[in-house]
């Protein structure tokens, strides 16, 4: 089971890594974030929008409500600054939600429906872990796309996160 301390650390790490990634995308040469590439979500902006949509879907699951999405491939924000703002807002919500949890509440089951309509259930802690892991996975995709620019991607490894070094967890 994911403890509250671990959940907070993971969410704080995700927020830091997302900020770093989006700031780096904003510094790419004009057009590179939107350039079509041979990847599932077609571009850097497409991949980052997918990551936000998935965060919003799981947020809805944690809140016990419908998410309203029929696809994980929409472009909610075509502008990098607007996308960064929306991702920041979502991460801030997640940090606040996490701060209101306990070890016991993270162990509670959340029931939901996948976009396919299939029923699912996971503990709240497992959902937090999935949100963080999913974002890390797709930031890795974005890093690969940076090399296609070519540009150096940001270093978002967990061991580079200052919060890990400061906490000593």
Protein backbone atom coordinates (compact mmCIF):
# COMPACT_ATOMS: atom_id res chain seq x y z
CA UNK A 1 0.00 0.00 0.00
CA UNK A 2 1.19 3.51 -0.78
CA UNK A 3 1.71 5.57 2.36
CA UNK A 4 0.68 9.20 2.59
CA UNK A 5 4.32 10.26 2.88
CA UNK A 6 5.24 8.37 -0.29
CA UNK A 7 2.17 9.66 -2.14
CA UNK A 8 3.03 13.26 -1.30
CA UNK A 9 6.63 12.76 -2.42
CA UNK A 10 5.52 11.21 -5.72
CA UNK A 11 2.99 13.95 -6.46
CA UNK A 12 5.48 16.69 -5.61
CA UNK A 13 8.03 15.01 -7.87
CA UNK A 14 5.46 14.79 -10.70
CA UNK A 15 4.64 18.49 -10.36
CA UNK A 16 8.32 19.43 -10.49
CA UNK A 17 9.04 17.19 -13.49
CA UNK A 18 5.98 18.40 -15.39
CA UNK A 19 6.96 22.05 -14.80
CA UNK A 20 10.52 21.40 -15.96
CA UNK A 21 9.33 19.57 -19.07
CA UNK A 22 6.77 22.17 -20.08
CA UNK A 23 9.26 25.02 -19.50
CA UNK A 24 11.72 23.20 -21.76
CA UNK A 25 9.08 22.67 -24.44
CA UNK A 26 8.30 26.40 -24.35
CA UNK A 27 11.97 27.11 -25.16
CA UNK A 28 12.06 24.91 -28.26
CA UNK A 29 12.41 26.64 -31.64
CA UNK A 30 9.07 27.88 -33.03
CA UNK A 31 6.90 25.10 -34.43
CA UNK A 32 8.83 22.20 -32.89
CA UNK A 33 6.26 21.44 -30.17
CA UNK A 34 3.60 21.03 -32.87
CA UNK A 35 5.72 19.38 -35.59
CA UNK A 36 4.24 16.07 -36.71
CA UNK A 37 6.47 13.17 -35.73
CA UNK A 38 6.27 9.37 -35.97
CA UNK A 39 4.75 8.87 -32.53
CA UNK A 40 1.33 7.77 -31.27
CA UNK A 41 0.16 11.26 -30.28
CA UNK A 42 1.69 12.87 -33.40
CA UNK A 43 3.69 15.61 -31.63
CA UNK A 44 5.13 16.87 -28.38
CA UNK A 45 2.00 18.96 -27.75
CA UNK A 46 -0.18 15.93 -28.52
CA UNK A 47 1.74 13.74 -26.08
CA UNK A 48 1.55 16.33 -23.30
CA UNK A 49 -2.17 16.86 -23.90
CA UNK A 50 -2.68 13.10 -23.59
CA UNK A 51 -0.88 13.14 -20.27
CA UNK A 52 -3.11 15.97 -19.00
CA UNK A 53 -6.28 14.22 -20.17
CA UNK A 54 -5.30 11.05 -18.33
CA UNK A 55 -4.60 13.12 -15.19
CA UNK A 56 -8.06 14.69 -15.51
CA UNK A 57 -9.71 11.30 -15.98
CA UNK A 58 -8.07 9.90 -12.85
CA UNK A 59 -8.88 13.09 -10.94
CA UNK A 60 -12.54 12.47 -11.75
CA UNK A 61 -12.19 8.88 -10.54
CA UNK A 62 -10.70 10.11 -7.25
CA UNK A 63 -13.59 12.56 -6.93
CA UNK A 64 -16.12 9.79 -7.67
CA UNK A 65 -17.60 11.49 -10.73
CA UNK A 66 -17.81 11.01 -14.49
CA UNK A 67 -14.86 12.40 -16.41
CA UNK A 68 -16.68 13.27 -19.63
CA UNK A 69 -13.92 12.17 -22.01
CA UNK A 70 -14.51 9.79 -24.90
CA UNK A 71 -10.90 9.83 -26.09
CA UNK A 72 -7.43 10.16 -24.60
CA UNK A 73 -6.13 11.79 -27.80
CA UNK A 74 -7.82 15.19 -27.79
CA UNK A 75 -5.91 18.44 -27.96
CA UNK A 76 -7.31 20.43 -25.05
CA UNK A 77 -4.63 23.13 -25.24
CA UNK A 78 -2.81 23.84 -28.50
CA UNK A 79 -0.77 26.60 -26.86
CA UNK A 80 2.18 25.51 -24.67
CA UNK A 81 1.56 28.26 -22.07
CA UNK A 82 -2.12 27.32 -21.75
CA UNK A 83 -1.21 23.63 -21.49
CA UNK A 84 1.37 24.41 -18.80
CA UNK A 85 -1.20 26.41 -16.85
CA UNK A 86 -3.79 23.62 -17.08
CA UNK A 87 -1.24 20.98 -16.04
CA UNK A 88 -0.11 23.14 -13.12
CA UNK A 89 -3.72 23.56 -12.00
CA UNK A 90 -4.33 19.82 -12.18
CA UNK A 91 -1.13 19.08 -10.26
CA UNK A 92 -2.03 21.66 -7.60
CA UNK A 93 -5.42 20.00 -7.18
CA UNK A 94 -3.71 16.62 -6.83
CA UNK A 95 -1.27 17.98 -4.23
CA UNK A 96 -4.16 19.46 -2.25
CA UNK A 97 -6.20 16.28 -2.53
CA UNK A 98 -3.23 14.22 -1.40
CA UNK A 99 -2.66 16.47 1.61
CA UNK A 100 -6.22 15.76 2.77
CA UNK A 101 -5.69 11.97 2.69
CA UNK A 102 -4.47 9.50 5.28
CA UNK A 103 -2.71 6.17 4.96
CA UNK A 104 -6.11 4.53 5.51
CA UNK A 105 -7.96 6.62 2.90
CA UNK A 106 -5.27 5.86 0.31
CA UNK A 107 -6.08 2.18 0.89
CA UNK A 108 -9.77 2.64 0.10
CA UNK A 109 -11.16 1.37 -3.18
CA UNK A 110 -12.33 3.76 -5.86
CA UNK A 111 -14.75 2.36 -8.43
CA UNK A 112 -14.87 3.87 -11.91
CA UNK A 113 -15.45 3.27 -15.59
CA UNK A 114 -12.69 3.29 -18.17
CA UNK A 115 -13.26 5.24 -21.40
CA UNK A 116 -14.23 1.88 -22.95
CA UNK A 117 -17.12 1.69 -20.47
CA UNK A 118 -15.56 -1.26 -18.67
CA UNK A 119 -15.83 -1.11 -14.88
CA UNK A 120 -12.68 -0.89 -12.81
CA UNK A 121 -11.54 -0.44 -9.27
CA UNK A 122 -8.23 0.45 -7.65
CA UNK A 123 -7.16 1.77 -4.31
CA UNK A 124 -6.73 5.51 -4.17
CA UNK A 125 -3.02 4.97 -3.50
CA UNK A 126 -2.72 2.79 -6.60
CA UNK A 127 -4.41 5.54 -8.61
CA UNK A 128 -1.87 8.07 -7.33
CA UNK A 129 0.95 5.71 -8.27
CA UNK A 130 -0.58 5.23 -11.74
CA UNK A 131 -0.95 8.98 -12.30
CA UNK A 132 2.72 9.56 -11.45
CA UNK A 133 3.98 6.54 -13.39
CA UNK A 134 1.90 7.40 -16.47
CA UNK A 135 3.23 10.97 -16.54
CA UNK A 136 6.81 9.74 -16.14
CA UNK A 137 6.31 7.31 -19.01
CA UNK A 138 5.09 10.02 -21.37
CA UNK A 139 7.71 12.56 -20.31
CA UNK A 140 10.12 9.88 -21.53
CA UNK A 141 8.38 9.94 -24.90
CA UNK A 142 8.72 13.72 -24.96
CA UNK A 143 12.43 13.39 -24.18
CA UNK A 144 12.82 11.14 -27.21
CA UNK A 145 10.99 13.69 -29.33
CA UNK A 146 13.42 16.37 -28.12
CA UNK A 147 16.26 14.37 -29.68
CA UNK A 148 14.40 14.50 -32.99
CA UNK A 149 14.42 18.34 -32.92
CA UNK A 150 17.43 18.02 -32.08
CA UNK A 151 17.49 19.51 -28.59
CA UNK A 152 18.61 18.37 -25.17
CA UNK A 153 15.66 17.26 -23.06
CA UNK A 154 15.37 18.28 -19.41
CA UNK A 155 16.65 15.89 -16.77
CA UNK A 156 13.57 14.77 -14.85
CA UNK A 157 14.90 11.62 -13.20
CA UNK A 158 13.65 11.09 -9.67
CA UNK A 159 17.21 11.32 -8.33
CA UNK A 160 17.51 14.80 -9.85
CA UNK A 161 14.40 16.05 -8.01
CA UNK A 162 15.59 18.39 -5.23
CA UNK A 163 12.70 17.25 -2.98
CA UNK A 164 14.11 13.73 -2.81
CA UNK A 165 17.52 15.00 -1.77
CA UNK A 166 16.06 17.40 0.79
CA UNK A 167 13.69 14.89 2.40
CA UNK A 168 16.06 11.97 2.67
CA UNK A 169 13.14 9.52 2.30
